[in-house]
Amino acid sequence: MKLLLGIALLLLAAQLSESACFFQPQNTNATRESQEPNVCIDETDGSVHELGESWNSTNCVLCTCGNDGYGCCERAHRPLMYPEDCVAVFDLEDCVYRVHLKGDPSIECYSPGGVGK
């Protein structure tokens, strides 16, 4: 029951922040190969996780293992509003979007009305 509540809260938080979420059904063939029925196998990197466990996947998503598979939500929130002369670029190493002036990544953009240094 706590697991279902945790997943529901995770999905609700993601909806409020406009992050993308998805559910990955358990791969029954992979489960049989691992000889562990109560685990989730992350299809992005093959890592094995116990029922109820949460982890940060290699593709910048937060996942939680459930009975029938695992649910994941993006950790990074894509900025929706920034000046037209700026661009949002995803930083896979830090799992964040960086908004900077087009053509000059050293100048960060802070708001729709201005550019900061």
PDB file of N, CA and C in Angstrom:
ATOM      1  N   MET A   1       0.821  -1.188   0.000  1.00  0.00           N
ATOM      2  CA  MET A   1       0.000   0.000   0.000  1.00  0.00           C
ATOM      3  C   MET A   1       0.871   1.260   0.000  1.00  0.00           C
ATOM      4  N   LYS A   2       1.951   1.251   0.790  1.00  0.00           N
ATOM      5  CA  LYS A   2       2.850   2.406   0.816  1.00  0.00           C
ATOM      6  C   LYS A   2       3.475   2.634  -0.551  1.00  0.00           C
ATOM      7  N   LEU A   3       3.788   1.546  -1.258  1.00  0.00           N
ATOM      8  CA  LEU A   3       4.380   1.650  -2.580  1.00  0.00           C
ATOM      9  C   LEU A   3       3.431   2.342  -3.548  1.00  0.00           C
ATOM     10  N   LEU A   4       2.152   1.955  -3.531  1.00  0.00           N
ATOM     11  CA  LEU A   4       1.165   2.579  -4.410  1.00  0.00           C
ATOM     12  C   LEU A   4       0.994   4.055  -4.093  1.00  0.00           C
ATOM     13  N   LEU A   5       0.989   4.388  -2.818  1.00  0.00           N
ATOM     14  CA  LEU A   5       0.877   5.777  -2.410  1.00  0.00           C
ATOM     15  C   LEU A   5       2.100   6.561  -2.881  1.00  0.00           C
ATOM     16  N   GLY A   6       3.274   5.971  -2.739  1.00  0.00           N
ATOM     17  CA  GLY A   6       4.507   6.624  -3.188  1.00  0.00           C
ATOM     18  C   GLY A   6       4.501   6.887  -4.683  1.00  0.00           C
ATOM     19  N   ILE A   7       4.059   5.913  -5.452  1.00  0.00           N
ATOM     20  CA  ILE A   7       4.003   6.078  -6.910  1.00  0.00           C
ATOM     21  C   ILE A   7       2.974   7.140  -7.274  1.00  0.00           C
ATOM     22  N   ALA A   8       1.827   7.131  -6.596  1.00  0.00           N
ATOM     23  CA  ALA A   8       0.792   8.128  -6.871  1.00  0.00           C
ATOM     24  C   ALA A   8       1.295   9.536  -6.572  1.00  0.00           C
ATOM     25  N   LEU A   9       1.994   9.704  -5.457  1.00  0.00           N
ATOM     26  CA  LEU A   9       2.542  11.021  -5.121  1.00  0.00           C
ATOM     27  C   LEU A   9       3.614  11.448  -6.115  1.00  0.00           C
ATOM     28  N   LEU A  10       4.441  10.510  -6.544  1.00  0.00           N
ATOM     29  CA  LEU A  10       5.476  10.804  -7.537  1.00  0.00           C
ATOM     30  C   LEU A  10       4.846  11.269  -8.841  1.00  0.00           C
ATOM     31  N   LEU A  11       3.805  10.584  -9.286  1.00  0.00           N
ATOM     32  CA  LEU A  11       3.133  10.963 -10.526  1.00  0.00           C
ATOM     33  C   LEU A  11       2.395  12.290 -10.389  1.00  0.00           C
ATOM     34  N   LEU A  12       1.783  12.545  -9.229  1.00  0.00           N
ATOM     35  CA  LEU A  12       1.103  13.810  -8.995  1.00  0.00           C
ATOM     36  C   LEU A  12       2.089  14.966  -9.013  1.00  0.00           C
ATOM     37  N   ALA A  13       3.216  14.806  -8.348  1.00  0.00           N
ATOM     38  CA  ALA A  13       4.236  15.858  -8.342  1.00  0.00           C
ATOM     39  C   ALA A  13       4.731  16.130  -9.752  1.00  0.00           C
ATOM     40  N   ALA A  14       4.875  15.090 -10.530  1.00  0.00           N
ATOM     41  CA  ALA A  14       5.342  15.263 -11.905  1.00  0.00           C
ATOM     42  C   ALA A  14       4.310  16.017 -12.737  1.00  0.00           C
ATOM     43  N   GLN A  15       3.020  15.762 -12.513  1.00  0.00           N
ATOM     44  CA  GLN A  15       1.987  16.471 -13.257  1.00  0.00           C
ATOM     45  C   GLN A  15       2.013  17.953 -12.938  1.00  0.00           C
ATOM     46  N   LEU A  16       2.210  18.320 -11.687  1.00  0.00           N
ATOM     47  CA  LEU A  16       2.227  19.720 -11.298  1.00  0.00           C
ATOM     48  C   LEU A  16       3.424  20.454 -11.885  1.00  0.00           C
ATOM     49  N   SER A  17       4.504  19.746 -12.116  1.00  0.00           N
ATOM     50  CA  SER A  17       5.697  20.385 -12.643  1.00  0.00           C
ATOM     51  C   SER A  17       5.867  20.163 -14.135  1.00  0.00           C
ATOM     52  N   GLU A  18       4.924  19.501 -14.774  1.00  0.00           N
ATOM     53  CA  GLU A  18       4.923  19.236 -16.200  1.00  0.00           C
ATOM     54  C   GLU A  18       6.089  18.368 -16.656  1.00  0.00           C
ATOM     55  N   SER A  19       6.544  17.492 -15.812  1.00  0.00           N
ATOM     56  CA  SER A  19       7.565  16.523 -16.204  1.00  0.00           C
ATOM     57  C   SER A  19       6.894  15.325 -16.855  1.00  0.00           C
ATOM     58  N   ALA A  20       7.625  14.649 -17.684  1.00  0.00           N
ATOM     59  CA  ALA A  20       7.089  13.464 -18.347  1.00  0.00           C
ATOM     60  C   ALA A  20       7.316  12.237 -17.473  1.00  0.00           C
ATOM     61  N   CYS A  21       6.320  11.366 -17.417  1.00  0.00           N
ATOM     62  CA  CYS A  21       6.414  10.123 -16.663  1.00  0.00           C
ATOM     63  C   CYS A  21       6.004   8.971 -17.566  1.00  0.00           C
ATOM     64  N   PHE A  22       6.464   7.782 -17.221  1.00  0.00           N
ATOM     65  CA  PHE A  22       6.072   6.600 -17.977  1.00  0.00           C
ATOM     66  C   PHE A  22       6.112   5.391 -17.061  1.00  0.00           C
ATOM     67  N   PHE A  23       5.434   4.323 -17.495  1.00  0.00           N
ATOM     68  CA  PHE A  23       5.445   3.062 -16.769  1.00  0.00           C
ATOM     69  C   PHE A  23       6.036   1.998 -17.683  1.00  0.00           C
ATOM     70  N   GLN A  24       6.970   1.223 -17.160  1.00  0.00           N
ATOM     71  CA  GLN A  24       7.589   0.140 -17.917  1.00  0.00           C
ATOM     72  C   GLN A  24       7.119  -1.191 -17.320  1.00  0.00           C
ATOM     73  N   PRO A  25       6.252  -1.931 -18.025  1.00  0.00           N
ATOM     74  CA  PRO A  25       5.818  -3.235 -17.501  1.00  0.00           C
ATOM     75  C   PRO A  25       7.018  -4.159 -17.314  1.00  0.00           C
ATOM     76  N   GLN A  26       6.905  -5.036 -16.333  1.00  0.00           N
ATOM     77  CA  GLN A  26       8.003  -5.965 -16.047  1.00  0.00           C
ATOM     78  C   GLN A  26       8.218  -6.916 -17.220  1.00  0.00           C
ATOM     79  N   ASN A  27       9.442  -7.059 -17.632  1.00  0.00           N
ATOM     80  CA  ASN A  27       9.819  -8.000 -18.686  1.00  0.00           C
ATOM     81  C   ASN A  27       9.897  -9.378 -18.050  1.00  0.00           C
ATOM     82  N   THR A  28       8.903 -10.225 -18.302  1.00  0.00           N
ATOM     83  CA  THR A  28       8.850 -11.529 -17.628  1.00  0.00           C
ATOM     84  C   THR A  28      10.008 -12.428 -18.036  1.00  0.00           C
ATOM     85  N   ASN A  29      10.504 -12.321 -19.252  1.00  0.00           N
ATOM     86  CA  ASN A  29      11.662 -13.126 -19.660  1.00  0.00           C
ATOM     87  C   ASN A  29      12.903 -12.738 -18.866  1.00  0.00           C
ATOM     88  N   ALA A  30      13.128 -11.447 -18.686  1.00  0.00           N
ATOM     89  CA  ALA A  30      14.286 -10.987 -17.918  1.00  0.00           C
ATOM     90  C   ALA A  30      14.158 -11.402 -16.456  1.00  0.00           C
ATOM     91  N   THR A  31      12.926 -11.351 -15.922  1.00  0.00           N
ATOM     92  CA  THR A  31      12.711 -11.755 -14.527  1.00  0.00           C
ATOM     93  C   THR A  31      13.036 -13.233 -14.348  1.00  0.00           C
ATOM     94  N   ARG A  32      12.598 -14.070 -15.303  1.00  0.00           N
ATOM     95  CA  ARG A  32      12.900 -15.505 -15.199  1.00  0.00           C
ATOM     96  C   ARG A  32      14.401 -15.751 -15.272  1.00  0.00           C
ATOM     97  N   GLU A  33      15.102 -15.022 -16.132  1.00  0.00           N
ATOM     98  CA  GLU A  33      16.553 -15.197 -16.265  1.00  0.00           C
ATOM     99  C   GLU A  33      17.280 -14.816 -14.989  1.00  0.00           C
ATOM    100  N   SER A  34      16.782 -13.771 -14.292  1.00  0.00           N
ATOM    101  CA  SER A  34      17.457 -13.327 -13.073  1.00  0.00           C
ATOM    102  C   SER A  34      17.108 -14.203 -11.880  1.00  0.00           C
ATOM    103  N   GLN A  35      16.097 -15.068 -12.018  1.00  0.00           N
ATOM    104  CA  GLN A  35      15.640 -15.969 -10.954  1.00  0.00           C
ATOM    105  C   GLN A  35      15.112 -15.198  -9.750  1.00  0.00           C
ATOM    106  N   GLU A  36      14.748 -13.928  -9.929  1.00  0.00           N
ATOM    107  CA  GLU A  36      14.215 -13.123  -8.841  1.00  0.00           C
ATOM    108  C   GLU A  36      12.895 -12.513  -9.293  1.00  0.00           C
ATOM    109  N   PRO A  37      11.746 -13.060  -8.829  1.00  0.00           N
ATOM    110  CA  PRO A  37      10.450 -12.567  -9.294  1.00  0.00           C
ATOM    111  C   PRO A  37      10.075 -11.191  -8.754  1.00  0.00           C
ATOM    112  N   ASN A  38      10.634 -10.771  -7.634  1.00  0.00           N
ATOM    113  CA  ASN A  38      10.249  -9.499  -7.022  1.00  0.00           C
ATOM    114  C   ASN A  38      11.279  -8.412  -7.248  1.00  0.00           C
ATOM    115  N   VAL A  39      11.751  -8.296  -8.477  1.00  0.00           N
ATOM    116  CA  VAL A  39      12.700  -7.249  -8.818  1.00  0.00           C
ATOM    117  C   VAL A  39      12.257  -6.553 -10.098  1.00  0.00           C
ATOM    118  N   CYS A  40      12.826  -5.388 -10.331  1.00  0.00           N
ATOM    119  CA  CYS A  40      12.640  -4.665 -11.582  1.00  0.00           C
ATOM    120  C   CYS A  40      14.005  -4.540 -12.233  1.00  0.00           C
ATOM    121  N   ILE A  41      14.043  -4.755 -13.520  1.00  0.00           N
ATOM    122  CA  ILE A  41      15.292  -4.634 -14.261  1.00  0.00           C
ATOM    123  C   ILE A  41      15.178  -3.410 -15.156  1.00  0.00           C
ATOM    124  N   ASP A  42      15.996  -2.408 -14.869  1.00  0.00           N
ATOM    125  CA  ASP A  42      15.997  -1.161 -15.636  1.00  0.00           C
ATOM    126  C   ASP A  42      16.488  -1.463 -17.045  1.00  0.00           C
ATOM    127  N   GLU A  43      15.626  -1.232 -18.029  1.00  0.00           N
ATOM    128  CA  GLU A  43      15.967  -1.583 -19.406  1.00  0.00           C
ATOM    129  C   GLU A  43      17.011  -0.659 -20.021  1.00  0.00           C
ATOM    130  N   THR A  44      17.278   0.492 -19.392  1.00  0.00           N
ATOM    131  CA  THR A  44      18.292   1.390 -19.953  1.00  0.00           C
ATOM    132  C   THR A  44      19.715   0.930 -19.647  1.00  0.00           C
ATOM    133  N   ASP A  45      19.904   0.306 -18.480  1.00  0.00           N
ATOM    134  CA  ASP A  45      21.269  -0.098 -18.117  1.00  0.00           C
ATOM    135  C   ASP A  45      21.372  -1.515 -17.549  1.00  0.00           C
ATOM    136  N   GLY A  46      20.243  -2.228 -17.450  1.00  0.00           N
ATOM    137  CA  GLY A  46      20.257  -3.602 -16.960  1.00  0.00           C
ATOM    138  C   GLY A  46      20.377  -3.747 -15.451  1.00  0.00           C
ATOM    139  N   SER A  47      20.356  -2.635 -14.716  1.00  0.00           N
ATOM    140  CA  SER A  47      20.482  -2.716 -13.258  1.00  0.00           C
ATOM    141  C   SER A  47      19.235  -3.357 -12.647  1.00  0.00           C
ATOM    142  N   VAL A  48      19.430  -4.080 -11.546  1.00  0.00           N
ATOM    143  CA  VAL A  48      18.353  -4.815 -10.878  1.00  0.00           C
ATOM    144  C   VAL A  48      17.981  -4.079  -9.589  1.00  0.00           C
ATOM    145  N   HIS A  49      16.665  -3.911  -9.355  1.00  0.00           N
ATOM    146  CA  HIS A  49      16.185  -3.165  -8.192  1.00  0.00           C
ATOM    147  C   HIS A  49      15.086  -3.945  -7.490  1.00  0.00           C
ATOM    148  N   GLU A  50      15.124  -3.912  -6.169  1.00  0.00           N
ATOM    149  CA  GLU A  50      14.162  -4.616  -5.326  1.00  0.00           C
ATOM    150  C   GLU A  50      12.794  -3.943  -5.358  1.00  0.00           C
ATOM    151  N   LEU A  51      11.758  -4.704  -5.087  1.00  0.00           N
ATOM    152  CA  LEU A  51      10.395  -4.205  -4.995  1.00  0.00           C
ATOM    153  C   LEU A  51      10.343  -3.062  -3.981  1.00  0.00           C
ATOM    154  N   GLY A  52       9.788  -1.927  -4.373  1.00  0.00           N
ATOM    155  CA  GLY A  52       9.681  -0.765  -3.493  1.00  0.00           C
ATOM    156  C   GLY A  52      10.874   0.179  -3.564  1.00  0.00           C
ATOM    157  N   GLU A  53      11.944  -0.238  -4.213  1.00  0.00           N
ATOM    158  CA  GLU A  53      13.155   0.581  -4.306  1.00  0.00           C
ATOM    159  C   GLU A  53      12.985   1.689  -5.345  1.00  0.00           C
ATOM    160  N   SER A  54      13.561   2.855  -5.055  1.00  0.00           N
ATOM    161  CA  SER A  54      13.626   3.961  -6.008  1.00  0.00           C
ATOM    162  C   SER A  54      15.074   4.191  -6.384  1.00  0.00           C
ATOM    163  N   TRP A  55      15.304   4.611  -7.630  1.00  0.00           N
ATOM    164  CA  TRP A  55      16.675   4.860  -8.088  1.00  0.00           C
ATOM    165  C   TRP A  55      16.683   5.917  -9.180  1.00  0.00           C
ATOM    166  N   ASN A  56      17.840   6.536  -9.337  1.00  0.00           N
ATOM    167  CA  ASN A  56      18.053   7.483 -10.423  1.00  0.00           C
ATOM    168  C   ASN A  56      18.654   6.711 -11.585  1.00  0.00           C
ATOM    169  N   SER A  57      17.929   6.648 -12.681  1.00  0.00           N
ATOM    170  CA  SER A  57      18.376   5.912 -13.853  1.00  0.00           C
ATOM    171  C   SER A  57      19.440   6.714 -14.598  1.00  0.00           C
ATOM    172  N   THR A  58      20.180   6.011 -15.447  1.00  0.00           N
ATOM    173  CA  THR A  58      21.268   6.653 -16.186  1.00  0.00           C
ATOM    174  C   THR A  58      20.765   7.683 -17.181  1.00  0.00           C
ATOM    175  N   ASN A  59      19.479   7.674 -17.528  1.00  0.00           N
ATOM    176  CA  ASN A  59      18.955   8.639 -18.481  1.00  0.00           C
ATOM    177  C   ASN A  59      18.200   9.785 -17.783  1.00  0.00           C
ATOM    178  N   CYS A  60      18.607  10.108 -16.557  1.00  0.00           N
ATOM    179  CA  CYS A  60      18.094  11.260 -15.802  1.00  0.00           C
ATOM    180  C   CYS A  60      16.614  11.158 -15.454  1.00  0.00           C
ATOM    181  N   VAL A  61      16.158   9.984 -15.077  1.00  0.00           N
ATOM    182  CA  VAL A  61      14.797   9.815 -14.593  1.00  0.00           C
ATOM    183  C   VAL A  61      14.845   9.137 -13.227  1.00  0.00           C
ATOM    184  N   LEU A  62      13.853   9.433 -12.390  1.00  0.00           N
ATOM    185  CA  LEU A  62      13.701   8.808 -11.081  1.00  0.00           C
ATOM    186  C   LEU A  62      12.678   7.705 -11.227  1.00  0.00           C
ATOM    187  N   CYS A  63      13.055   6.487 -10.869  1.00  0.00           N
ATOM    188  CA  CYS A  63      12.188   5.318 -11.053  1.00  0.00           C
ATOM    189  C   CYS A  63      11.867   4.670  -9.716  1.00  0.00           C
ATOM    190  N   THR A  64      10.716   3.986  -9.660  1.00  0.00           N
ATOM    191  CA  THR A  64      10.310   3.226  -8.483  1.00  0.00           C
ATOM    192  C   THR A  64       9.800   1.867  -8.941  1.00  0.00           C
ATOM    193  N   CYS A  65      10.296   0.803  -8.291  1.00  0.00           N
ATOM    194  CA  CYS A  65       9.946  -0.567  -8.638  1.00  0.00           C
ATOM    195  C   CYS A  65       8.630  -0.967  -7.976  1.00  0.00           C
ATOM    196  N   GLY A  66       7.692  -1.497  -8.778  1.00  0.00           N
ATOM    197  CA  GLY A  66       6.410  -1.975  -8.282  1.00  0.00           C
ATOM    198  C   GLY A  66       6.196  -3.428  -8.665  1.00  0.00           C
ATOM    199  N   ASN A  67       5.061  -3.979  -8.305  1.00  0.00           N
ATOM    200  CA  ASN A  67       4.768  -5.394  -8.557  1.00  0.00           C
ATOM    201  C   ASN A  67       4.760  -5.766 -10.030  1.00  0.00           C
ATOM    202  N   ASP A  68       4.241  -4.889 -10.877  1.00  0.00           N
ATOM    203  CA  ASP A  68       4.068  -5.211 -12.289  1.00  0.00           C
ATOM    204  C   ASP A  68       5.081  -4.539 -13.205  1.00  0.00           C
ATOM    205  N   GLY A  69       6.053  -3.847 -12.639  1.00  0.00           N
ATOM    206  CA  GLY A  69       7.043  -3.134 -13.436  1.00  0.00           C
ATOM    207  C   GLY A  69       7.535  -1.937 -12.653  1.00  0.00           C
ATOM    208  N   TYR A  70       8.002  -0.924 -13.365  1.00  0.00           N
ATOM    209  CA  TYR A  70       8.487   0.258 -12.678  1.00  0.00           C
ATOM    210  C   TYR A  70       7.999   1.528 -13.368  1.00  0.00           C
ATOM    211  N   GLY A  71       7.768   2.555 -12.548  1.00  0.00           N
ATOM    212  CA  GLY A  71       7.344   3.854 -13.045  1.00  0.00           C
ATOM    213  C   GLY A  71       8.485   4.837 -12.914  1.00  0.00           C
ATOM    214  N   CYS A  72       8.617   5.717 -13.903  1.00  0.00           N
ATOM    215  CA  CYS A  72       9.703   6.700 -13.904  1.00  0.00           C
ATOM    216  C   CYS A  72       9.167   8.070 -14.285  1.00  0.00           C
ATOM    217  N   CYS A  73       9.793   9.098 -13.732  1.00  0.00           N
ATOM    218  CA  CYS A  73       9.493  10.482 -14.089  1.00  0.00           C
ATOM    219  C   CYS A  73      10.803  11.220 -14.314  1.00  0.00           C
ATOM    220  N   GLU A  74      10.780  12.124 -15.294  1.00  0.00           N
ATOM    221  CA  GLU A  74      11.967  12.923 -15.566  1.00  0.00           C
ATOM    222  C   GLU A  74      12.334  13.733 -14.333  1.00  0.00           C
ATOM    223  N   ARG A  75      13.634  13.841 -14.071  1.00  0.00           N
ATOM    224  CA  ARG A  75      14.104  14.654 -12.951  1.00  0.00           C
ATOM    225  C   ARG A  75      14.278  16.106 -13.360  1.00  0.00           C
ATOM    226  N   ALA A  76      14.541  16.352 -14.631  1.00  0.00           N
ATOM    227  CA  ALA A  76      14.776  17.713 -15.115  1.00  0.00           C
ATOM    228  C   ALA A  76      13.473  18.310 -15.632  1.00  0.00           C
ATOM    229  N   HIS A  77      13.262  19.555 -15.335  1.00  0.00           N
ATOM    230  CA  HIS A  77      12.060  20.254 -15.780  1.00  0.00           C
ATOM    231  C   HIS A  77      12.457  21.190 -16.920  1.00  0.00           C
ATOM    232  N   ARG A  78      11.868  20.959 -18.074  1.00  0.00           N
ATOM    233  CA  ARG A  78      12.191  21.779 -19.241  1.00  0.00           C
ATOM    234  C   ARG A  78      11.592  23.169 -19.060  1.00  0.00           C
ATOM    235  N   PRO A  79      12.424  24.191 -19.186  1.00  0.00           N
ATOM    236  CA  PRO A  79      11.896  25.551 -19.067  1.00  0.00           C
ATOM    237  C   PRO A  79      10.936  25.850 -20.211  1.00  0.00           C
ATOM    238  N   LEU A  80       9.828  26.491 -19.890  1.00  0.00           N
ATOM    239  CA  LEU A  80       8.822  26.786 -20.897  1.00  0.00           C
ATOM    240  C   LEU A  80       8.925  28.213 -21.430  1.00  0.00           C
ATOM    241  N   MET A  81       9.409  29.122 -20.602  1.00  0.00           N
ATOM    242  CA  MET A  81       9.482  30.520 -21.016  1.00  0.00           C
ATOM    243  C   MET A  81      10.898  31.050 -20.843  1.00  0.00           C
ATOM    244  N   TYR A  82      11.442  31.552 -21.937  1.00  0.00           N
ATOM    245  CA  TYR A  82      12.740  32.224 -21.918  1.00  0.00           C
ATOM    246  C   TYR A  82      12.812  33.098 -23.165  1.00  0.00           C
ATOM    247  N   PRO A  83      13.704  34.066 -23.189  1.00  0.00           N
ATOM    248  CA  PRO A  83      13.773  34.995 -24.323  1.00  0.00           C
ATOM    249  C   PRO A  83      14.005  34.273 -25.651  1.00  0.00           C
ATOM    250  N   GLU A  84      13.489  34.867 -26.721  1.00  0.00           N
ATOM    251  CA  GLU A  84      13.629  34.266 -28.047  1.00  0.00           C
ATOM    252  C   GLU A  84      15.080  34.141 -28.494  1.00  0.00           C
ATOM    253  N   ASP A  85      15.942  34.993 -27.963  1.00  0.00           N
ATOM    254  CA  ASP A  85      17.350  34.937 -28.379  1.00  0.00           C
ATOM    255  C   ASP A  85      18.156  33.958 -27.521  1.00  0.00           C
ATOM    256  N   CYS A  86      17.438  33.115 -26.768  1.00  0.00           N
ATOM    257  CA  CYS A  86      18.083  32.107 -25.921  1.00  0.00           C
ATOM    258  C   CYS A  86      17.622  30.710 -26.332  1.00  0.00           C
ATOM    259  N   VAL A  87      18.336  29.713 -25.841  1.00  0.00           N
ATOM    260  CA  VAL A  87      18.028  28.325 -26.159  1.00  0.00           C
ATOM    261  C   VAL A  87      18.189  27.486 -24.889  1.00  0.00           C
ATOM    262  N   ALA A  88      17.322  26.466 -24.725  1.00  0.00           N
ATOM    263  CA  ALA A  88      17.420  25.532 -23.592  1.00  0.00           C
ATOM    264  C   ALA A  88      18.143  24.283 -24.080  1.00  0.00           C
ATOM    265  N   VAL A  89      19.221  23.925 -23.387  1.00  0.00           N
ATOM    266  CA  VAL A  89      20.031  22.763 -23.758  1.00  0.00           C
ATOM    267  C   VAL A  89      20.090  21.824 -22.561  1.00  0.00           C
ATOM    268  N   PHE A  90      19.849  20.537 -22.806  1.00  0.00           N
ATOM    269  CA  PHE A  90      19.865  19.567 -21.717  1.00  0.00           C
ATOM    270  C   PHE A  90      21.293  19.137 -21.406  1.00  0.00           C
ATOM    271  N   ASP A  91      21.660  19.217 -20.120  1.00  0.00           N
ATOM    272  CA  ASP A  91      22.976  18.797 -19.639  1.00  0.00           C
ATOM    273  C   ASP A  91      22.814  17.402 -19.029  1.00  0.00           C
ATOM    274  N   LEU A  92      23.189  16.379 -19.790  1.00  0.00           N
ATOM    275  CA  LEU A  92      22.997  14.985 -19.366  1.00  0.00           C
ATOM    276  C   LEU A  92      23.836  14.646 -18.134  1.00  0.00           C
ATOM    277  N   GLU A  93      24.976  15.283 -17.969  1.00  0.00           N
ATOM    278  CA  GLU A  93      25.835  15.002 -16.818  1.00  0.00           C
ATOM    279  C   GLU A  93      25.201  15.452 -15.501  1.00  0.00           C
ATOM    280  N   ASP A  94      24.568  16.648 -15.495  1.00  0.00           N
ATOM    281  CA  ASP A  94      23.952  17.184 -14.280  1.00  0.00           C
ATOM    282  C   ASP A  94      22.435  17.000 -14.251  1.00  0.00           C
ATOM    283  N   CYS A  95      21.847  16.481 -15.345  1.00  0.00           N
ATOM    284  CA  CYS A  95      20.405  16.246 -15.446  1.00  0.00           C
ATOM    285  C   CYS A  95      19.592  17.527 -15.248  1.00  0.00           C
ATOM    286  N   VAL A  96      20.022  18.602 -15.886  1.00  0.00           N
ATOM    287  CA  VAL A  96      19.304  19.877 -15.831  1.00  0.00           C
ATOM    288  C   VAL A  96      19.304  20.517 -17.214  1.00  0.00           C
ATOM    289  N   TYR A  97      18.350  21.407 -17.424  1.00  0.00           N
ATOM    290  CA  TYR A  97      18.357  22.226 -18.627  1.00  0.00           C
ATOM    291  C   TYR A  97      19.103  23.508 -18.327  1.00  0.00           C
ATOM    292  N   ARG A  98      19.951  23.912 -19.225  1.00  0.00           N
ATOM    293  CA  ARG A  98      20.678  25.176 -19.118  1.00  0.00           C
ATOM    294  C   ARG A  98      20.145  26.082 -20.231  1.00  0.00           C
ATOM    295  N   VAL A  99      19.751  27.290 -19.846  1.00  0.00           N
ATOM    296  CA  VAL A  99      19.240  28.251 -20.823  1.00  0.00           C
ATOM    297  C   VAL A  99      20.301  29.318 -21.007  1.00  0.00           C
ATOM    298  N   HIS A 100      20.758  29.459 -22.247  1.00  0.00           N
ATOM    299  CA  HIS A 100      21.804  30.437 -22.525  1.00  0.00           C
ATOM    300  C   HIS A 100      21.531  31.149 -23.847  1.00  0.00           C
ATOM    301  N   LEU A 101      22.253  32.227 -24.043  1.00  0.00           N
ATOM    302  CA  LEU A 101      22.135  33.011 -25.259  1.00  0.00           C
ATOM    303  C   LEU A 101      22.531  32.153 -26.451  1.00  0.00           C
ATOM    304  N   LYS A 102      21.725  32.200 -27.520  1.00  0.00           N
ATOM    305  CA  LYS A 102      22.066  31.444 -28.732  1.00  0.00           C
ATOM    306  C   LYS A 102      23.429  31.916 -29.220  1.00  0.00           C
ATOM    307  N   GLY A 103      24.300  30.983 -29.490  1.00  0.00           N
ATOM    308  CA  GLY A 103      25.614  31.311 -30.011  1.00  0.00           C
ATOM    309  C   GLY A 103      26.649  31.645 -28.948  1.00  0.00           C
ATOM    310  N   ASP A 104      26.230  31.778 -27.664  1.00  0.00           N
ATOM    311  CA  ASP A 104      27.198  32.069 -26.595  1.00  0.00           C
ATOM    312  C   ASP A 104      26.770  31.383 -25.299  1.00  0.00           C
ATOM    313  N   PRO A 105      27.172  30.121 -25.116  1.00  0.00           N
ATOM    314  CA  PRO A 105      26.779  29.369 -23.916  1.00  0.00           C
ATOM    315  C   PRO A 105      27.286  29.967 -22.600  1.00  0.00           C
ATOM    316  N   SER A 106      28.212  30.922 -22.669  1.00  0.00           N
ATOM    317  CA  SER A 106      28.733  31.511 -21.435  1.00  0.00           C
ATOM    318  C   SER A 106      27.780  32.551 -20.844  1.00  0.00           C
ATOM    319  N   ILE A 107      26.760  32.976 -21.600  1.00  0.00           N
ATOM    320  CA  ILE A 107      25.802  33.964 -21.106  1.00  0.00           C
ATOM    321  C   ILE A 107      24.472  33.271 -20.839  1.00  0.00           C
ATOM    322  N   GLU A 108      24.143  33.154 -19.541  1.00  0.00           N
ATOM    323  CA  GLU A 108      22.901  32.488 -19.147  1.00  0.00           C
ATOM    324  C   GLU A 108      21.717  33.427 -19.276  1.00  0.00           C
ATOM    325  N   CYS A 109      20.560  32.872 -19.615  1.00  0.00           N
ATOM    326  CA  CYS A 109      19.311  33.623 -19.690  1.00  0.00           C
ATOM    327  C   CYS A 109      18.491  33.298 -18.446  1.00  0.00           C
ATOM    328  N   TYR A 110      17.944  34.323 -17.809  1.00  0.00           N
ATOM    329  CA  TYR A 110      17.221  34.105 -16.567  1.00  0.00           C
ATOM    330  C   TYR A 110      15.720  34.248 -16.668  1.00  0.00           C
ATOM    331  N   SER A 111      15.219  35.136 -17.508  1.00  0.00           N
ATOM    332  CA  SER A 111      13.775  35.368 -17.560  1.00  0.00           C
ATOM    333  C   SER A 111      13.385  35.814 -18.960  1.00  0.00           C
ATOM    334  N   PRO A 112      12.077  35.791 -19.250  1.00  0.00           N
ATOM    335  CA  PRO A 112      11.638  36.215 -20.570  1.00  0.00           C
ATOM    336  C   PRO A 112      12.017  37.653 -20.893  1.00  0.00           C
ATOM    337  N   GLY A 113      12.272  38.470 -19.882  1.00  0.00           N
ATOM    338  CA  GLY A 113      12.565  39.876 -20.135  1.00  0.00           C
ATOM    339  C   GLY A 113      14.032  40.239 -20.177  1.00  0.00           C
ATOM    340  N   GLY A 114      14.927  39.323 -19.837  1.00  0.00           N
ATOM    341  CA  GLY A 114      16.307  39.747 -19.790  1.00  0.00           C
ATOM    342  C   GLY A 114      17.304  38.629 -19.822  1.00  0.00           C
ATOM    343  N   VAL A 115      18.533  39.003 -20.077  1.00  0.00           N
ATOM    344  CA  VAL A 115      19.647  38.069 -20.131  1.00  0.00           C
ATOM    345  C   VAL A 115      20.591  38.440 -19.009  1.00  0.00           C
ATOM    346  N   GLY A 116      21.070  37.433 -18.274  1.00  0.00           N
ATOM    347  CA  GLY A 116      22.005  37.686 -17.190  1.00  0.00           C
ATOM    348  C   GLY A 116      23.393  37.227 -17.552  1.00  0.00           C
ATOM    349  N   LYS A 117      24.367  37.673 -16.795  1.00  0.00           N
ATOM    350  CA  LYS A 117      25.755  37.253 -17.025  1.00  0.00           C
ATOM    351  C   LYS A 117      26.241  36.415 -15.878  1.00  0.00           C
TER     352      LYS A 117
END
